[in-house]
Amino acid sequence: MRFFNAHVWRFYERLKLGSADSGIFFAPLEPEGNPVSDEAQWTKVDDARIKRNTPKSLLFYVPDSLAVGTKYRVIVRTAFTGGGTLRKTSLSGSSEVVTVKDAA
């Protein structure tokens, strides 16, 4: 079982989930290191697999479907304001490049 512990980028309250656009995603990279633009290739972390969702960190299980040795950026996205109102456009943040490693 693989965990990922991330600091939350510019989300000052816990990440608001519940819309199709909201959540934590692993985006594979283009050769130049940017996330692929085709979001159909992104892997979403199931909301039920998020174990800690606080103003300063997220702790979640890494999806088993991710290929070991592959590089990704973790994209954190919400469609809600801090007060819980649905936004017109989603707000996103991304991590540095991460590499999936086998749990030893």
N, C-alpha and C. Protein backbone atom coordinates (compact mmCIF):
# COMPACT_ATOMS: atom_id res chain seq x y z
N MET A 1 0.85 -1.16 0.00
CA MET A 1 0.00 0.00 0.00
C MET A 1 0.90 1.24 0.00
N ARG A 2 0.61 2.20 -0.85
CA ARG A 2 1.43 3.38 -0.99
C ARG A 2 0.65 4.62 -0.54
N PHE A 3 1.30 5.46 0.27
CA PHE A 3 0.70 6.70 0.73
C PHE A 3 1.41 7.87 0.10
N PHE A 4 0.74 8.97 0.00
CA PHE A 4 1.35 10.23 -0.43
C PHE A 4 0.92 11.27 0.57
N ASN A 5 1.89 11.99 1.13
CA ASN A 5 1.60 13.05 2.08
C ASN A 5 2.01 14.35 1.42
N ALA A 6 1.08 15.24 1.21
CA ALA A 6 1.36 16.46 0.46
C ALA A 6 0.99 17.69 1.26
N HIS A 7 1.79 18.70 1.12
CA HIS A 7 1.39 20.00 1.64
C HIS A 7 0.39 20.58 0.66
N VAL A 8 -0.59 21.27 1.16
CA VAL A 8 -1.64 21.81 0.32
C VAL A 8 -1.18 23.16 -0.22
N TRP A 9 -1.27 23.31 -1.54
CA TRP A 9 -0.81 24.52 -2.21
C TRP A 9 -1.94 25.54 -2.29
N ARG A 10 -1.83 26.60 -1.53
CA ARG A 10 -2.76 27.73 -1.57
C ARG A 10 -4.21 27.36 -1.27
N PHE A 11 -4.42 26.28 -0.59
CA PHE A 11 -5.76 25.96 -0.11
C PHE A 11 -5.70 26.14 1.40
N TYR A 12 -6.33 27.18 1.89
CA TYR A 12 -6.17 27.55 3.29
C TYR A 12 -7.16 26.85 4.21
N GLU A 13 -8.14 26.24 3.65
CA GLU A 13 -9.05 25.40 4.40
C GLU A 13 -8.94 24.01 3.81
N ARG A 14 -9.62 23.06 4.42
CA ARG A 14 -9.53 21.72 3.85
C ARG A 14 -10.10 21.72 2.45
N LEU A 15 -9.57 20.85 1.62
CA LEU A 15 -9.98 20.77 0.22
C LEU A 15 -11.45 20.40 0.13
N LYS A 16 -12.21 21.21 -0.55
CA LYS A 16 -13.64 20.96 -0.73
C LYS A 16 -13.81 20.00 -1.92
N LEU A 17 -14.42 18.87 -1.64
CA LEU A 17 -14.64 17.85 -2.65
C LEU A 17 -16.13 17.78 -2.96
N GLY A 18 -16.50 17.01 -3.95
CA GLY A 18 -17.90 16.77 -4.20
C GLY A 18 -18.37 17.13 -5.59
N SER A 19 -17.53 17.74 -6.39
CA SER A 19 -17.91 17.98 -7.78
C SER A 19 -17.04 17.10 -8.67
N ALA A 20 -17.45 16.92 -9.91
CA ALA A 20 -16.68 16.10 -10.84
C ALA A 20 -15.30 16.68 -11.09
N ASP A 21 -15.18 18.01 -11.01
CA ASP A 21 -13.90 18.67 -11.26
C ASP A 21 -13.00 18.75 -10.04
N SER A 22 -13.52 18.46 -8.86
CA SER A 22 -12.75 18.60 -7.62
C SER A 22 -12.04 17.29 -7.28
N GLY A 23 -10.86 17.41 -6.69
CA GLY A 23 -10.18 16.23 -6.22
C GLY A 23 -8.68 16.29 -6.38
N ILE A 24 -8.07 15.13 -6.22
CA ILE A 24 -6.63 14.96 -6.34
C ILE A 24 -6.39 14.06 -7.54
N PHE A 25 -5.52 14.50 -8.42
CA PHE A 25 -5.27 13.78 -9.67
C PHE A 25 -3.77 13.56 -9.86
N PHE A 26 -3.39 12.44 -10.44
CA PHE A 26 -2.03 12.19 -10.89
C PHE A 26 -2.02 12.39 -12.40
N ALA A 27 -1.27 13.39 -12.87
CA ALA A 27 -1.21 13.71 -14.29
C ALA A 27 0.13 13.25 -14.85
N PRO A 28 0.14 12.32 -15.82
CA PRO A 28 1.40 11.94 -16.45
C PRO A 28 1.98 13.14 -17.18
N LEU A 29 3.27 13.06 -17.47
CA LEU A 29 3.98 14.22 -18.03
C LEU A 29 4.27 14.08 -19.51
N GLU A 30 4.25 15.23 -20.17
CA GLU A 30 4.76 15.35 -21.53
C GLU A 30 6.29 15.27 -21.44
N PRO A 31 6.99 15.05 -22.55
CA PRO A 31 8.46 14.97 -22.51
C PRO A 31 9.14 16.19 -21.88
N GLU A 32 8.53 17.38 -22.03
CA GLU A 32 9.16 18.59 -21.46
C GLU A 32 8.83 18.78 -19.98
N GLY A 33 8.05 17.86 -19.38
CA GLY A 33 7.79 17.90 -17.94
C GLY A 33 6.48 18.52 -17.53
N ASN A 34 5.68 18.97 -18.47
CA ASN A 34 4.36 19.53 -18.15
C ASN A 34 3.32 18.42 -18.12
N PRO A 35 2.26 18.59 -17.32
CA PRO A 35 1.20 17.57 -17.32
C PRO A 35 0.55 17.48 -18.70
N VAL A 36 0.16 16.28 -19.09
CA VAL A 36 -0.54 16.12 -20.37
C VAL A 36 -1.84 16.91 -20.30
N SER A 37 -2.22 17.53 -21.40
CA SER A 37 -3.43 18.36 -21.41
C SER A 37 -4.71 17.53 -21.48
N ASP A 38 -4.62 16.30 -21.96
CA ASP A 38 -5.78 15.43 -22.06
C ASP A 38 -6.10 14.86 -20.67
N GLU A 39 -7.06 15.45 -19.99
CA GLU A 39 -7.36 15.04 -18.62
C GLU A 39 -7.93 13.63 -18.54
N ALA A 40 -8.33 13.05 -19.65
CA ALA A 40 -8.78 11.66 -19.66
C ALA A 40 -7.63 10.72 -19.28
N GLN A 41 -6.40 11.17 -19.43
CA GLN A 41 -5.22 10.37 -19.07
C GLN A 41 -4.83 10.53 -17.60
N TRP A 42 -5.46 11.47 -16.91
CA TRP A 42 -5.17 11.68 -15.50
C TRP A 42 -5.85 10.60 -14.66
N THR A 43 -5.26 10.28 -13.52
CA THR A 43 -5.85 9.31 -12.60
C THR A 43 -6.32 10.05 -11.36
N LYS A 44 -7.61 9.93 -11.07
CA LYS A 44 -8.18 10.59 -9.89
C LYS A 44 -8.07 9.70 -8.67
N VAL A 45 -7.70 10.30 -7.54
CA VAL A 45 -7.70 9.58 -6.26
C VAL A 45 -9.14 9.54 -5.77
N ASP A 46 -9.63 8.36 -5.50
CA ASP A 46 -10.99 8.21 -5.00
C ASP A 46 -11.12 8.98 -3.69
N ASP A 47 -12.19 9.77 -3.56
CA ASP A 47 -12.39 10.58 -2.35
C ASP A 47 -12.35 9.74 -1.07
N ALA A 48 -12.82 8.51 -1.13
CA ALA A 48 -12.83 7.63 0.04
C ALA A 48 -11.42 7.22 0.46
N ARG A 49 -10.43 7.39 -0.42
CA ARG A 49 -9.05 7.01 -0.12
C ARG A 49 -8.21 8.18 0.39
N ILE A 50 -8.86 9.31 0.63
CA ILE A 50 -8.19 10.45 1.25
C ILE A 50 -8.34 10.29 2.76
N LYS A 51 -7.23 10.13 3.45
CA LYS A 51 -7.26 9.83 4.87
C LYS A 51 -7.11 11.06 5.77
N ARG A 52 -6.45 12.09 5.29
CA ARG A 52 -6.33 13.34 6.04
C ARG A 52 -6.51 14.48 5.06
N ASN A 53 -7.38 15.41 5.42
CA ASN A 53 -7.68 16.57 4.59
C ASN A 53 -7.78 17.76 5.53
N THR A 54 -6.63 18.37 5.80
CA THR A 54 -6.56 19.49 6.74
C THR A 54 -6.04 20.72 6.00
N PRO A 55 -6.09 21.90 6.66
CA PRO A 55 -5.59 23.11 5.99
C PRO A 55 -4.11 23.04 5.58
N LYS A 56 -3.32 22.18 6.21
CA LYS A 56 -1.89 22.14 5.91
C LYS A 56 -1.42 20.90 5.19
N SER A 57 -2.24 19.85 5.15
CA SER A 57 -1.75 18.64 4.48
C SER A 57 -2.89 17.76 3.98
N LEU A 58 -2.52 16.94 3.01
CA LEU A 58 -3.39 15.89 2.49
C LEU A 58 -2.64 14.59 2.62
N LEU A 59 -3.31 13.57 3.09
CA LEU A 59 -2.73 12.23 3.16
C LEU A 59 -3.72 11.31 2.46
N PHE A 60 -3.21 10.59 1.45
CA PHE A 60 -4.09 9.73 0.67
C PHE A 60 -3.33 8.54 0.14
N TYR A 61 -4.08 7.50 -0.21
CA TYR A 61 -3.50 6.32 -0.83
C TYR A 61 -3.19 6.63 -2.29
N VAL A 62 -2.04 6.20 -2.74
CA VAL A 62 -1.69 6.34 -4.15
C VAL A 62 -2.45 5.25 -4.91
N PRO A 63 -3.13 5.61 -5.99
CA PRO A 63 -3.89 4.59 -6.74
C PRO A 63 -2.99 3.46 -7.23
N ASP A 64 -3.46 2.24 -7.06
CA ASP A 64 -2.69 1.06 -7.48
C ASP A 64 -2.49 1.01 -8.99
N SER A 65 -3.31 1.71 -9.73
CA SER A 65 -3.23 1.67 -11.19
C SER A 65 -2.05 2.46 -11.76
N LEU A 66 -1.38 3.27 -10.92
CA LEU A 66 -0.24 4.05 -11.40
C LEU A 66 0.97 3.15 -11.63
N ALA A 67 1.67 3.39 -12.71
CA ALA A 67 2.83 2.57 -13.06
C ALA A 67 4.04 2.97 -12.23
N VAL A 68 4.67 1.97 -11.63
CA VAL A 68 5.90 2.20 -10.86
C VAL A 68 6.98 2.74 -11.80
N GLY A 69 7.69 3.76 -11.36
CA GLY A 69 8.76 4.35 -12.14
C GLY A 69 8.31 5.48 -13.05
N THR A 70 7.00 5.68 -13.15
CA THR A 70 6.47 6.75 -14.00
C THR A 70 6.44 8.06 -13.24
N LYS A 71 6.71 9.16 -13.94
CA LYS A 71 6.71 10.48 -13.32
C LYS A 71 5.37 11.16 -13.57
N TYR A 72 4.89 11.84 -12.53
CA TYR A 72 3.61 12.53 -12.56
C TYR A 72 3.76 13.89 -11.87
N ARG A 73 2.75 14.71 -12.04
CA ARG A 73 2.52 15.85 -11.16
C ARG A 73 1.19 15.58 -10.47
N VAL A 74 1.14 15.90 -9.18
CA VAL A 74 -0.10 15.77 -8.43
C VAL A 74 -0.85 17.09 -8.59
N ILE A 75 -2.05 16.99 -9.11
CA ILE A 75 -2.90 18.17 -9.32
C ILE A 75 -3.99 18.15 -8.25
N VAL A 76 -4.12 19.25 -7.53
CA VAL A 76 -5.17 19.40 -6.52
C VAL A 76 -6.12 20.45 -7.06
N ARG A 77 -7.39 20.10 -7.14
CA ARG A 77 -8.36 21.00 -7.78
C ARG A 77 -9.66 21.02 -6.98
N THR A 78 -10.22 22.22 -6.86
CA THR A 78 -11.53 22.36 -6.24
C THR A 78 -12.39 23.30 -7.07
N ALA A 79 -13.67 23.05 -7.03
CA ALA A 79 -14.63 23.90 -7.74
C ALA A 79 -15.44 24.72 -6.74
N PHE A 80 -15.01 24.73 -5.47
CA PHE A 80 -15.75 25.41 -4.42
C PHE A 80 -14.93 26.53 -3.80
N THR A 81 -15.62 27.56 -3.30
CA THR A 81 -14.97 28.61 -2.52
C THR A 81 -14.77 28.09 -1.10
N GLY A 82 -14.04 28.86 -0.29
CA GLY A 82 -13.85 28.49 1.11
C GLY A 82 -15.16 28.35 1.86
N GLY A 83 -16.19 29.11 1.45
CA GLY A 83 -17.50 29.05 2.08
C GLY A 83 -18.38 27.93 1.56
N GLY A 84 -17.91 27.19 0.57
CA GLY A 84 -18.66 26.07 0.04
C GLY A 84 -19.52 26.38 -1.17
N THR A 85 -19.42 27.60 -1.69
CA THR A 85 -20.18 27.97 -2.88
C THR A 85 -19.46 27.46 -4.13
N LEU A 86 -20.22 26.95 -5.09
CA LEU A 86 -19.64 26.45 -6.32
C LEU A 86 -19.07 27.62 -7.13
N ARG A 87 -17.81 27.49 -7.55
CA ARG A 87 -17.14 28.52 -8.34
C ARG A 87 -17.52 28.38 -9.81
N LYS A 88 -17.37 29.47 -10.58
CA LYS A 88 -17.60 29.41 -12.02
C LYS A 88 -16.47 28.64 -12.70
N THR A 89 -15.24 28.79 -12.21
CA THR A 89 -14.08 28.06 -12.73
C THR A 89 -13.36 27.40 -11.57
N SER A 90 -12.74 26.27 -11.84
CA SER A 90 -12.02 25.54 -10.80
C SER A 90 -10.70 26.22 -10.46
N LEU A 91 -10.25 25.99 -9.25
CA LEU A 91 -8.96 26.48 -8.76
C LEU A 91 -8.05 25.27 -8.61
N SER A 92 -6.83 25.35 -9.20
CA SER A 92 -5.92 24.20 -9.19
C SER A 92 -4.54 24.58 -8.68
N GLY A 93 -3.85 23.60 -8.15
CA GLY A 93 -2.45 23.72 -7.78
C GLY A 93 -1.76 22.42 -8.16
N SER A 94 -0.46 22.47 -8.38
CA SER A 94 0.24 21.24 -8.76
C SER A 94 1.54 21.10 -7.98
N SER A 95 1.98 19.87 -7.86
CA SER A 95 3.22 19.56 -7.15
C SER A 95 4.41 19.66 -8.10
N GLU A 96 5.57 19.48 -7.52
CA GLU A 96 6.76 19.23 -8.32
C GLU A 96 6.60 17.84 -8.93
N VAL A 97 7.51 17.43 -9.77
CA VAL A 97 7.44 16.10 -10.36
C VAL A 97 7.65 15.05 -9.27
N VAL A 98 6.78 14.03 -9.27
CA VAL A 98 6.91 12.91 -8.35
C VAL A 98 7.03 11.63 -9.16
N THR A 99 7.72 10.66 -8.60
CA THR A 99 7.90 9.36 -9.26
C THR A 99 7.26 8.29 -8.36
N VAL A 100 6.46 7.44 -8.93
CA VAL A 100 5.82 6.37 -8.18
C VAL A 100 6.86 5.27 -7.94
N LYS A 101 6.98 4.88 -6.67
CA LYS A 101 7.91 3.81 -6.30
C LYS A 101 7.12 2.69 -5.67
N ASP A 102 7.64 1.47 -5.81
CA ASP A 102 7.00 0.31 -5.23
C ASP A 102 7.19 0.35 -3.71
N ALA A 103 6.15 0.00 -2.98
CA ALA A 103 6.24 -0.07 -1.52
C ALA A 103 7.09 -1.27 -1.14
N ALA A 104 8.10 -1.01 -0.37
CA ALA A 104 9.00 -2.11 0.03
C ALA A 104 8.84 -2.43 1.48
